[in-house]
PDB file of N, CA and C in Angstrom:
ATOM      1  N   MET A   1      19.731  -0.500 -34.454  1.00  0.00           N
ATOM      2  CA  MET A   1      18.513  -0.678 -33.715  1.00  0.00           C
ATOM      3  C   MET A   1      18.781  -1.281 -32.345  1.00  0.00           C
ATOM      4  N   ALA A   2      19.687  -2.226 -32.269  1.00  0.00           N
ATOM      5  CA  ALA A   2      19.921  -2.898 -30.994  1.00  0.00           C
ATOM      6  C   ALA A   2      20.284  -1.913 -29.894  1.00  0.00           C
ATOM      7  N   ALA A   3      21.085  -0.919 -30.224  1.00  0.00           N
ATOM      8  CA  ALA A   3      21.507   0.045 -29.207  1.00  0.00           C
ATOM      9  C   ALA A   3      20.322   0.823 -28.631  1.00  0.00           C
ATOM     10  N   ALA A   4      19.233   0.871 -29.347  1.00  0.00           N
ATOM     11  CA  ALA A   4      18.056   1.592 -28.867  1.00  0.00           C
ATOM     12  C   ALA A   4      17.252   0.781 -27.854  1.00  0.00           C
ATOM     13  N   ILE A   5      17.444  -0.538 -27.802  1.00  0.00           N
ATOM     14  CA  ILE A   5      16.601  -1.352 -26.926  1.00  0.00           C
ATOM     15  C   ILE A   5      17.365  -2.109 -25.840  1.00  0.00           C
ATOM     16  N   PHE A   6      18.701  -2.131 -25.891  1.00  0.00           N
ATOM     17  CA  PHE A   6      19.484  -2.723 -24.812  1.00  0.00           C
ATOM     18  C   PHE A   6      20.910  -2.194 -24.877  1.00  0.00           C
ATOM     19  N   PRO A   7      21.641  -2.230 -23.753  1.00  0.00           N
ATOM     20  CA  PRO A   7      23.008  -1.705 -23.743  1.00  0.00           C
ATOM     21  C   PRO A   7      23.953  -2.640 -24.498  1.00  0.00           C
ATOM     22  N   THR A   8      24.427  -2.194 -25.638  1.00  0.00           N
ATOM     23  CA  THR A   8      25.245  -3.058 -26.494  1.00  0.00           C
ATOM     24  C   THR A   8      26.682  -3.191 -26.024  1.00  0.00           C
ATOM     25  N   GLY A   9      27.074  -2.455 -25.008  1.00  0.00           N
ATOM     26  CA  GLY A   9      28.449  -2.531 -24.525  1.00  0.00           C
ATOM     27  C   GLY A   9      28.628  -3.452 -23.339  1.00  0.00           C
ATOM     28  N   THR A  10      27.656  -4.280 -23.036  1.00  0.00           N
ATOM     29  CA  THR A  10      27.762  -5.159 -21.874  1.00  0.00           C
ATOM     30  C   THR A  10      28.268  -6.532 -22.277  1.00  0.00           C
ATOM     31  N   GLU A  11      28.664  -7.304 -21.286  1.00  0.00           N
ATOM     32  CA  GLU A  11      29.163  -8.652 -21.565  1.00  0.00           C
ATOM     33  C   GLU A  11      28.067  -9.572 -22.097  1.00  0.00           C
ATOM     34  N   HIS A  12      26.818  -9.223 -21.851  1.00  0.00           N
ATOM     35  CA  HIS A  12      25.694 -10.051 -22.305  1.00  0.00           C
ATOM     36  C   HIS A  12      25.196  -9.681 -23.695  1.00  0.00           C
ATOM     37  N   ALA A  13      25.748  -8.629 -24.280  1.00  0.00           N
ATOM     38  CA  ALA A  13      25.268  -8.140 -25.575  1.00  0.00           C
ATOM     39  C   ALA A  13      25.292  -9.199 -26.679  1.00  0.00           C
ATOM     40  N   PRO A  14      26.374  -9.991 -26.818  1.00  0.00           N
ATOM     41  CA  PRO A  14      26.351 -10.993 -27.895  1.00  0.00           C
ATOM     42  C   PRO A  14      25.208 -12.006 -27.755  1.00  0.00           C
ATOM     43  N   GLU A  15      24.915 -12.429 -26.535  1.00  0.00           N
ATOM     44  CA  GLU A  15      23.824 -13.382 -26.328  1.00  0.00           C
ATOM     45  C   GLU A  15      22.473 -12.735 -26.581  1.00  0.00           C
ATOM     46  N   ILE A  16      22.301 -11.508 -26.126  1.00  0.00           N
ATOM     47  CA  ILE A  16      21.046 -10.793 -26.382  1.00  0.00           C
ATOM     48  C   ILE A  16      20.856 -10.600 -27.881  1.00  0.00           C
ATOM     49  N   THR A  17      21.912 -10.225 -28.577  1.00  0.00           N
ATOM     50  CA  THR A  17      21.850 -10.032 -30.026  1.00  0.00           C
ATOM     51  C   THR A  17      21.488 -11.337 -30.725  1.00  0.00           C
ATOM     52  N   ARG A  18      22.088 -12.446 -30.290  1.00  0.00           N
ATOM     53  CA  ARG A  18      21.773 -13.748 -30.882  1.00  0.00           C
ATOM     54  C   ARG A  18      20.292 -14.082 -30.682  1.00  0.00           C
ATOM     55  N   GLN A  19      19.795 -13.850 -29.475  1.00  0.00           N
ATOM     56  CA  GLN A  19      18.388 -14.142 -29.193  1.00  0.00           C
ATOM     57  C   GLN A  19      17.452 -13.266 -30.019  1.00  0.00           C
ATOM     58  N   LEU A  20      17.771 -11.984 -30.124  1.00  0.00           N
ATOM     59  CA  LEU A  20      16.932 -11.086 -30.925  1.00  0.00           C
ATOM     60  C   LEU A  20      16.946 -11.464 -32.402  1.00  0.00           C
ATOM     61  N   THR A  21      18.125 -11.783 -32.911  1.00  0.00           N
ATOM     62  CA  THR A  21      18.232 -12.162 -34.326  1.00  0.00           C
ATOM     63  C   THR A  21      17.404 -13.411 -34.599  1.00  0.00           C
ATOM     64  N   THR A  22      17.500 -14.394 -33.719  1.00  0.00           N
ATOM     65  CA  THR A  22      16.723 -15.628 -33.879  1.00  0.00           C
ATOM     66  C   THR A  22      15.233 -15.339 -33.800  1.00  0.00           C
ATOM     67  N   ARG A  23      14.846 -14.491 -32.861  1.00  0.00           N
ATOM     68  CA  ARG A  23      13.426 -14.152 -32.707  1.00  0.00           C
ATOM     69  C   ARG A  23      12.882 -13.430 -33.938  1.00  0.00           C
ATOM     70  N   PHE A  24      13.642 -12.442 -34.444  1.00  0.00           N
ATOM     71  CA  PHE A  24      13.211 -11.727 -35.646  1.00  0.00           C
ATOM     72  C   PHE A  24      13.130 -12.673 -36.844  1.00  0.00           C
ATOM     73  N   ALA A  25      14.097 -13.561 -36.977  1.00  0.00           N
ATOM     74  CA  ALA A  25      14.081 -14.516 -38.085  1.00  0.00           C
ATOM     75  C   ALA A  25      12.825 -15.386 -38.021  1.00  0.00           C
ATOM     76  N   ASP A  26      12.534 -15.898 -36.836  1.00  0.00           N
ATOM     77  CA  ASP A  26      11.349 -16.742 -36.673  1.00  0.00           C
ATOM     78  C   ASP A  26      10.057 -15.961 -36.901  1.00  0.00           C
ATOM     79  N   GLU A  27       9.992 -14.769 -36.332  1.00  0.00           N
ATOM     80  CA  GLU A  27       8.769 -13.970 -36.388  1.00  0.00           C
ATOM     81  C   GLU A  27       8.442 -13.501 -37.805  1.00  0.00           C
ATOM     82  N   PHE A  28       9.479 -13.131 -38.569  1.00  0.00           N
ATOM     83  CA  PHE A  28       9.247 -12.555 -39.890  1.00  0.00           C
ATOM     84  C   PHE A  28       9.569 -13.504 -41.040  1.00  0.00           C
ATOM     85  N   GLY A  29       9.977 -14.724 -40.723  1.00  0.00           N
ATOM     86  CA  GLY A  29      10.186 -15.731 -41.760  1.00  0.00           C
ATOM     87  C   GLY A  29      11.485 -15.616 -42.540  1.00  0.00           C
ATOM     88  N   TYR A  30      12.506 -15.035 -41.929  1.00  0.00           N
ATOM     89  CA  TYR A  30      13.812 -14.928 -42.579  1.00  0.00           C
ATOM     90  C   TYR A  30      14.749 -16.000 -42.051  1.00  0.00           C
ATOM     91  N   ALA A  31      15.741 -16.343 -42.851  1.00  0.00           N
ATOM     92  CA  ALA A  31      16.808 -17.215 -42.374  1.00  0.00           C
ATOM     93  C   ALA A  31      17.769 -16.370 -41.539  1.00  0.00           C
ATOM     94  N   VAL A  32      18.251 -16.924 -40.430  1.00  0.00           N
ATOM     95  CA  VAL A  32      19.195 -16.201 -39.573  1.00  0.00           C
ATOM     96  C   VAL A  32      20.412 -15.763 -40.383  1.00  0.00           C
ATOM     97  N   ASP A  33      20.926 -16.631 -41.252  1.00  0.00           N
ATOM     98  CA  ASP A  33      22.096 -16.284 -42.060  1.00  0.00           C
ATOM     99  C   ASP A  33      21.826 -15.077 -42.957  1.00  0.00           C
ATOM    100  N   ASP A  34      20.613 -14.948 -43.463  1.00  0.00           N
ATOM    101  CA  ASP A  34      20.266 -13.784 -44.289  1.00  0.00           C
ATOM    102  C   ASP A  34      20.314 -12.498 -43.467  1.00  0.00           C
ATOM    103  N   LEU A  35      19.808 -12.558 -42.235  1.00  0.00           N
ATOM    104  CA  LEU A  35      19.842 -11.373 -41.382  1.00  0.00           C
ATOM    105  C   LEU A  35      21.272 -11.013 -41.004  1.00  0.00           C
ATOM    106  N   LEU A  36      22.109 -12.006 -40.762  1.00  0.00           N
ATOM    107  CA  LEU A  36      23.508 -11.738 -40.428  1.00  0.00           C
ATOM    108  C   LEU A  36      24.244 -11.129 -41.619  1.00  0.00           C
ATOM    109  N   LEU A  37      23.950 -11.616 -42.812  1.00  0.00           N
ATOM    110  CA  LEU A  37      24.556 -11.054 -44.018  1.00  0.00           C
ATOM    111  C   LEU A  37      24.117  -9.606 -44.208  1.00  0.00           C
ATOM    112  N   TYR A  38      22.837  -9.331 -44.009  1.00  0.00           N
ATOM    113  CA  TYR A  38      22.326  -7.962 -44.119  1.00  0.00           C
ATOM    114  C   TYR A  38      23.020  -7.056 -43.107  1.00  0.00           C
ATOM    115  N   ARG A  39      23.153  -7.531 -41.877  1.00  0.00           N
ATOM    116  CA  ARG A  39      23.794  -6.715 -40.845  1.00  0.00           C
ATOM    117  C   ARG A  39      25.246  -6.410 -41.206  1.00  0.00           C
ATOM    118  N   ALA A  40      25.961  -7.403 -41.716  1.00  0.00           N
ATOM    119  CA  ALA A  40      27.360  -7.191 -42.116  1.00  0.00           C
ATOM    120  C   ALA A  40      27.451  -6.193 -43.273  1.00  0.00           C
ATOM    121  N   ALA A  41      26.577  -6.339 -44.263  1.00  0.00           N
ATOM    122  CA  ALA A  41      26.596  -5.420 -45.404  1.00  0.00           C
ATOM    123  C   ALA A  41      26.245  -4.004 -44.957  1.00  0.00           C
ATOM    124  N   TYR A  42      25.283  -3.869 -44.074  1.00  0.00           N
ATOM    125  CA  TYR A  42      24.896  -2.549 -43.577  1.00  0.00           C
ATOM    126  C   TYR A  42      26.046  -1.919 -42.799  1.00  0.00           C
ATOM    127  N   ALA A  43      26.721  -2.702 -41.989  1.00  0.00           N
ATOM    128  CA  ALA A  43      27.838  -2.173 -41.204  1.00  0.00           C
ATOM    129  C   ALA A  43      28.953  -1.659 -42.106  1.00  0.00           C
ATOM    130  N   MET A  44      29.155  -2.310 -43.232  1.00  0.00           N
ATOM    131  CA  MET A  44      30.202  -1.873 -44.155  1.00  0.00           C
ATOM    132  C   MET A  44      29.769  -0.644 -44.955  1.00  0.00           C
ATOM    133  N   ALA A  45      28.483  -0.545 -45.268  1.00  0.00           N
ATOM    134  CA  ALA A  45      28.001   0.532 -46.136  1.00  0.00           C
ATOM    135  C   ALA A  45      27.586   1.788 -45.375  1.00  0.00           C
ATOM    136  N   ALA A  46      27.188   1.639 -44.137  1.00  0.00           N
ATOM    137  CA  ALA A  46      26.687   2.776 -43.367  1.00  0.00           C
ATOM    138  C   ALA A  46      27.824   3.718 -42.996  1.00  0.00           C
ATOM    139  N   PRO A  47      27.530   4.994 -42.973  1.00  0.00           N
ATOM    140  CA  PRO A  47      28.559   5.951 -42.562  1.00  0.00           C
ATOM    141  C   PRO A  47      29.009   5.673 -41.132  1.00  0.00           C
ATOM    142  N   GLN A  48      30.290   5.788 -40.902  1.00  0.00           N
ATOM    143  CA  GLN A  48      30.839   5.596 -39.572  1.00  0.00           C
ATOM    144  C   GLN A  48      31.033   6.953 -38.918  1.00  0.00           C
ATOM    145  N   PRO A  49      30.878   7.013 -37.600  1.00  0.00           N
ATOM    146  CA  PRO A  49      31.113   8.303 -36.931  1.00  0.00           C
ATOM    147  C   PRO A  49      32.557   8.746 -37.162  1.00  0.00           C
ATOM    148  N   THR A  50      32.723  10.012 -37.412  1.00  0.00           N
ATOM    149  CA  THR A  50      34.075  10.528 -37.609  1.00  0.00           C
ATOM    150  C   THR A  50      34.689  10.847 -36.262  1.00  0.00           C
ATOM    151  N   ARG A  51      35.976  10.649 -36.176  1.00  0.00           N
ATOM    152  CA  ARG A  51      36.676  10.938 -34.926  1.00  0.00           C
ATOM    153  C   ARG A  51      37.090  12.409 -34.919  1.00  0.00           C
ATOM    154  N   THR A  52      37.111  12.964 -33.765  1.00  0.00           N
ATOM    155  CA  THR A  52      37.566  14.336 -33.604  1.00  0.00           C
ATOM    156  C   THR A  52      39.080  14.352 -33.577  1.00  0.00           C
ATOM    157  N   LYS A  53      39.663  15.339 -34.224  1.00  0.00           N
ATOM    158  CA  LYS A  53      41.107  15.441 -34.263  1.00  0.00           C
ATOM    159  C   LYS A  53      41.648  15.481 -32.835  1.00  0.00           C
ATOM    160  N   GLY A  54      42.660  14.659 -32.588  1.00  0.00           N
ATOM    161  CA  GLY A  54      43.267  14.617 -31.276  1.00  0.00           C
ATOM    162  C   GLY A  54      42.814  13.456 -30.421  1.00  0.00           C
ATOM    163  N   THR A  55      41.794  12.715 -30.874  1.00  0.00           N
ATOM    164  CA  THR A  55      41.361  11.548 -30.112  1.00  0.00           C
ATOM    165  C   THR A  55      42.139  10.337 -30.602  1.00  0.00           C
ATOM    166  N   PRO A  56      42.286   9.323 -29.749  1.00  0.00           N
ATOM    167  CA  PRO A  56      43.013   8.121 -30.192  1.00  0.00           C
ATOM    168  C   PRO A  56      42.420   7.551 -31.468  1.00  0.00           C
ATOM    169  N   GLY A  57      43.266   7.233 -32.410  1.00  0.00           N
ATOM    170  CA  GLY A  57      42.820   6.654 -33.671  1.00  0.00           C
ATOM    171  C   GLY A  57      42.506   7.680 -34.732  1.00  0.00           C
ATOM    172  N   SER A  58      42.572   8.962 -34.397  1.00  0.00           N
ATOM    173  CA  SER A  58      42.258   9.983 -35.400  1.00  0.00           C
ATOM    174  C   SER A  58      43.499  10.301 -36.217  1.00  0.00           C
ATOM    175  N   ALA A  59      43.278  10.889 -37.371  1.00  0.00           N
ATOM    176  CA  ALA A  59      44.386  11.233 -38.271  1.00  0.00           C
ATOM    177  C   ALA A  59      45.042  12.522 -37.848  1.00  0.00           C
TER     178      ALA A  59
END
């Protein structure tokens, strides 16, 4: 979701992400740690983009 509302590849992305996470936690009544755990679990479970053969890091 973050990539849809701000450029996640900038030097300010970690601070923007921290502010958004805190705001969502406050607004919806979640603990920040719960949202961080959810994000980590989603990142591990979600399909990752496949690399095209011949690009760095591809098999």
